[in-house]
Amino acid sequence: MAIKNIIFDFGGVVMDWNPRYFFKDYFNDDEKMEYFLKNITTDEWNIEQDRGRTLAEGTAVQVANFPEWEKEIRAYYDNWTTMLKSEIADNVAVLRKLEYSEYELFGLTNWSAETFPYALENYDFFSIFKGKIVVSGTEKLIKPNPEIWHVLLNRYQIKAEESVFIDDNFKNIEVAKSLGFICIHIKEDTDLEKELRDLGIEF
């Protein structure tokens, strides 16, 4: 079946986001920073904001759990834009080429509904998707829950087997494959343009 659609995850694919970009200077102590990120503002905690919990509620929950870290916890979302360092240039260059191809482009991202608008406003390449973006925080669903892929498929009336899904998270890739998507797993050394051309995509 011919490929008609290309679906991009955002963080780690087209956006370079990492809390260390802020906290490295904030702590000026790598060991303390890593302890804080691993044990206090954990991935599991951050994911709940991506699932739709408000930043204020998420902050309050963690301040209640770790009152001795209140200042640092509050600094997390107060300085979130510093953590969003830049676009990932090579992959964004591929996206820009695809804009003028025959393929429909979509976004499927785990991202807080409160912080995503900042990225939309400050990085022009998001306009390439023409609004065809499914954001976990808005849907109250998060990858790797298969339901969020179904939201995308149903909303835009597309088929998994006609779609390439690009993500840097292996669990998400596994679920997408099980749903019938053709997948590209982004790693540090992935050449996205080559991977797409190897699938027969011309642009």
Protein backbone atom coordinates (compact mmCIF):
# COMPACT_ATOMS: atom_id res chain seq x y z
CA MET A 1 0.00 0.00 0.00
CA ALA A 2 1.35 3.42 -0.93
CA ILE A 3 2.53 5.82 1.76
CA LYS A 4 0.35 8.94 1.93
CA ASN A 5 1.03 10.40 5.38
CA ILE A 6 4.05 11.27 7.53
CA ILE A 7 3.53 11.79 11.25
CA PHE A 8 6.10 13.52 13.43
CA ASP A 9 6.60 13.35 17.16
CA PHE A 10 8.12 16.68 18.27
CA GLY A 11 10.37 16.42 21.36
CA GLY A 12 13.60 14.66 20.42
CA VAL A 13 12.62 14.69 16.74
CA VAL A 14 12.26 18.36 15.74
CA MET A 15 12.68 20.07 19.15
CA ASP A 16 15.64 19.82 21.50
CA TRP A 17 14.08 19.98 24.98
CA ASN A 18 15.93 19.05 28.15
CA PRO A 19 15.51 20.39 31.72
CA ARG A 20 19.30 20.27 32.07
CA TYR A 21 19.56 23.32 29.81
CA PHE A 22 18.16 25.35 32.68
CA PHE A 23 19.17 23.41 35.79
CA LYS A 24 22.87 22.99 34.89
CA ASP A 25 23.52 26.65 35.69
CA TYR A 26 20.83 26.80 38.35
CA PHE A 27 22.47 24.09 40.50
CA ASN A 28 26.04 24.45 39.25
CA ASP A 29 26.38 20.93 40.68
CA ASP A 30 25.76 18.06 38.26
CA GLU A 31 25.30 15.45 40.98
CA LYS A 32 22.64 17.51 42.76
CA MET A 33 20.94 18.31 39.45
CA GLU A 34 20.75 14.65 38.43
CA TYR A 35 19.37 13.69 41.85
CA PHE A 36 16.69 16.37 41.54
CA LEU A 37 15.66 15.36 38.00
CA LYS A 38 15.68 11.64 38.80
CA ASN A 39 13.93 11.76 42.16
CA ILE A 40 11.94 15.00 42.45
CA THR A 41 10.84 16.34 39.04
CA THR A 42 10.70 12.85 37.57
CA ASP A 43 9.68 11.86 34.05
CA GLU A 44 6.57 10.25 35.57
CA TRP A 45 5.62 13.56 37.21
CA ASN A 46 6.21 15.61 34.05
CA ILE A 47 4.17 13.14 31.99
CA GLU A 48 1.07 13.93 34.06
CA GLN A 49 1.25 17.55 32.87
CA ASP A 50 1.61 16.22 29.31
CA ARG A 51 -1.50 14.12 30.01
CA GLY A 52 -3.50 17.23 30.87
CA ARG A 53 -2.87 18.06 34.53
CA THR A 54 -2.29 21.80 34.91
CA LEU A 55 1.21 23.09 35.58
CA ALA A 56 -0.06 24.74 38.77
CA GLU A 57 -1.56 21.50 40.04
CA GLY A 58 1.50 19.46 39.09
CA THR A 59 3.74 21.95 40.88
CA ALA A 60 1.54 21.98 43.98
CA VAL A 61 1.50 18.17 44.15
CA GLN A 62 5.28 17.93 44.06
CA VAL A 63 5.81 20.83 46.49
CA ALA A 64 3.53 18.99 48.94
CA ASN A 65 5.53 15.78 48.42
CA PHE A 66 8.95 17.45 48.69
CA PRO A 67 8.58 20.75 50.61
CA GLU A 68 12.34 21.04 51.08
CA TRP A 69 12.69 21.33 47.28
CA GLU A 70 9.92 23.92 46.83
CA LYS A 71 12.11 26.63 45.32
CA GLU A 72 13.63 24.24 42.78
CA ILE A 73 10.27 22.65 41.88
CA ARG A 74 8.69 26.06 41.26
CA ALA A 75 11.67 26.98 39.08
CA TYR A 76 10.88 24.05 36.76
CA TYR A 77 7.90 25.46 34.86
CA ASP A 78 8.85 29.08 35.55
CA ASN A 79 11.89 28.45 33.36
CA TRP A 80 10.46 25.91 30.97
CA THR A 81 11.25 28.01 27.89
CA THR A 82 14.98 27.84 28.70
CA MET A 83 14.69 24.04 28.59
CA LEU A 84 13.36 24.29 25.03
CA LYS A 85 16.78 25.00 23.59
CA SER A 86 16.32 24.94 19.84
CA GLU A 87 15.00 23.10 16.83
CA ILE A 88 16.84 19.96 15.71
CA ALA A 89 18.16 21.48 12.50
CA ASP A 90 18.74 18.38 10.33
CA ASN A 91 15.27 16.96 10.96
CA VAL A 92 13.55 20.32 10.57
CA ALA A 93 15.35 20.71 7.22
CA VAL A 94 13.75 17.40 6.14
CA LEU A 95 10.35 18.63 7.34
CA ARG A 96 10.75 21.81 5.30
CA LYS A 97 11.49 19.77 2.18
CA LEU A 98 8.44 17.59 2.82
CA GLU A 99 6.23 20.69 2.95
CA TYR A 100 6.24 20.79 -0.84
CA SER A 101 5.84 17.04 -1.37
CA GLU A 102 2.71 15.02 -2.12
CA TYR A 103 2.50 13.71 1.46
CA GLU A 104 0.17 14.91 4.19
CA LEU A 105 2.05 15.92 7.33
CA PHE A 106 0.82 15.48 10.90
CA GLY A 107 2.08 15.95 14.43
CA LEU A 108 1.45 13.58 17.36
CA THR A 109 3.10 14.85 20.51
CA ASN A 110 3.21 14.32 24.25
CA TRP A 111 3.16 17.96 25.33
CA SER A 112 1.38 20.07 27.94
CA ALA A 113 -1.52 22.06 26.53
CA GLU A 114 -0.19 25.07 28.46
CA THR A 115 3.36 25.05 27.12
CA PHE A 116 2.79 23.92 23.53
CA PRO A 117 1.45 27.32 22.37
CA TYR A 118 4.88 28.84 23.15
CA ALA A 119 6.54 26.42 20.72
CA LEU A 120 3.89 27.14 18.08
CA GLU A 121 4.49 30.88 18.37
CA ASN A 122 8.28 30.78 18.43
CA TYR A 123 9.17 28.11 15.86
CA ASP A 124 7.76 28.83 12.42
CA PHE A 125 8.12 25.30 11.07
CA PHE A 126 5.08 24.17 13.10
CA SER A 127 2.93 26.05 10.57
CA ILE A 128 3.91 23.40 8.01
CA PHE A 129 1.46 21.03 9.72
CA LYS A 130 -1.45 23.44 9.01
CA GLY A 131 -2.95 22.70 12.41
CA LYS A 132 -3.02 18.92 11.90
CA ILE A 133 -1.44 18.24 15.29
CA VAL A 134 -2.70 16.01 18.10
CA VAL A 135 -1.42 17.23 21.49
CA SER A 136 -1.63 14.86 24.47
CA GLY A 137 -2.38 17.60 27.00
CA THR A 138 -5.40 18.73 24.99
CA GLU A 139 -6.71 15.21 24.41
CA LYS A 140 -6.02 14.01 27.99
CA LEU A 141 -4.37 10.97 26.40
CA ILE A 142 -0.70 10.21 26.12
CA LYS A 143 1.61 7.98 24.11
CA PRO A 144 2.12 5.03 24.38
CA ASN A 145 -1.64 4.66 25.02
CA PRO A 146 -2.92 3.37 21.64
CA GLU A 147 -6.02 5.54 21.97
CA ILE A 148 -4.11 8.72 21.07
CA TRP A 149 -3.13 7.21 17.69
CA HIS A 150 -6.80 6.39 17.12
CA VAL A 151 -7.65 10.05 17.79
CA LEU A 152 -5.28 11.01 14.96
CA LEU A 153 -6.53 8.32 12.57
CA ASN A 154 -10.21 9.10 13.17
CA ARG A 155 -9.93 12.88 13.20
CA TYR A 156 -8.10 13.07 9.89
CA GLN A 157 -9.57 9.95 8.29
CA ILE A 158 -6.20 8.37 7.54
CA LYS A 159 -4.99 4.76 7.67
CA ALA A 160 -2.08 3.49 9.76
CA GLU A 161 -0.76 1.28 6.97
CA GLU A 162 -0.50 4.32 4.67
CA SER A 163 1.39 6.33 7.28
CA VAL A 164 4.98 6.69 8.47
CA PHE A 165 5.31 7.46 12.19
CA ILE A 166 8.53 9.09 13.44
CA ASP A 167 9.41 9.10 17.17
CA ASP A 168 12.47 8.97 19.42
CA ASN A 169 10.77 6.85 22.11
CA PHE A 170 11.06 3.12 21.47
CA LYS A 171 7.90 2.24 23.46
CA ASN A 172 5.92 4.58 21.21
CA ILE A 173 7.47 2.97 18.13
CA GLU A 174 6.50 -0.50 19.37
CA VAL A 175 2.87 0.50 19.91
CA ALA A 176 2.67 2.32 16.57
CA LYS A 177 4.03 -0.78 14.80
CA SER A 178 1.41 -2.93 16.52
CA LEU A 179 -1.26 -0.57 15.14
CA GLY A 180 0.04 -1.00 11.60
CA PHE A 181 2.15 2.14 11.15
CA ILE A 182 5.44 2.11 9.22
CA CYS A 183 7.93 3.44 11.77
CA ILE A 184 11.22 5.32 11.97
CA HIS A 185 12.88 5.26 15.38
CA ILE A 186 14.97 8.42 15.80
CA LYS A 187 18.31 7.88 17.53
CA GLU A 188 21.29 10.19 17.87
CA ASP A 189 22.83 9.04 14.59
CA THR A 190 19.61 8.63 12.54
CA ASP A 191 19.69 10.22 9.09
CA LEU A 192 15.98 10.98 8.72
CA GLU A 193 16.17 11.94 5.07
CA LYS A 194 17.90 8.66 4.19
CA GLU A 195 15.39 6.64 6.26
CA LEU A 196 12.48 8.25 4.43
CA ARG A 197 14.06 7.82 1.00
CA ASP A 198 14.76 4.16 1.85
CA LEU A 199 10.99 3.77 2.31
CA GLY A 200 10.50 5.09 -1.22
CA ILE A 201 9.42 8.57 -0.16
CA GLU A 202 10.44 11.17 -2.74
CA PHE A 203 10.78 14.85 -1.91
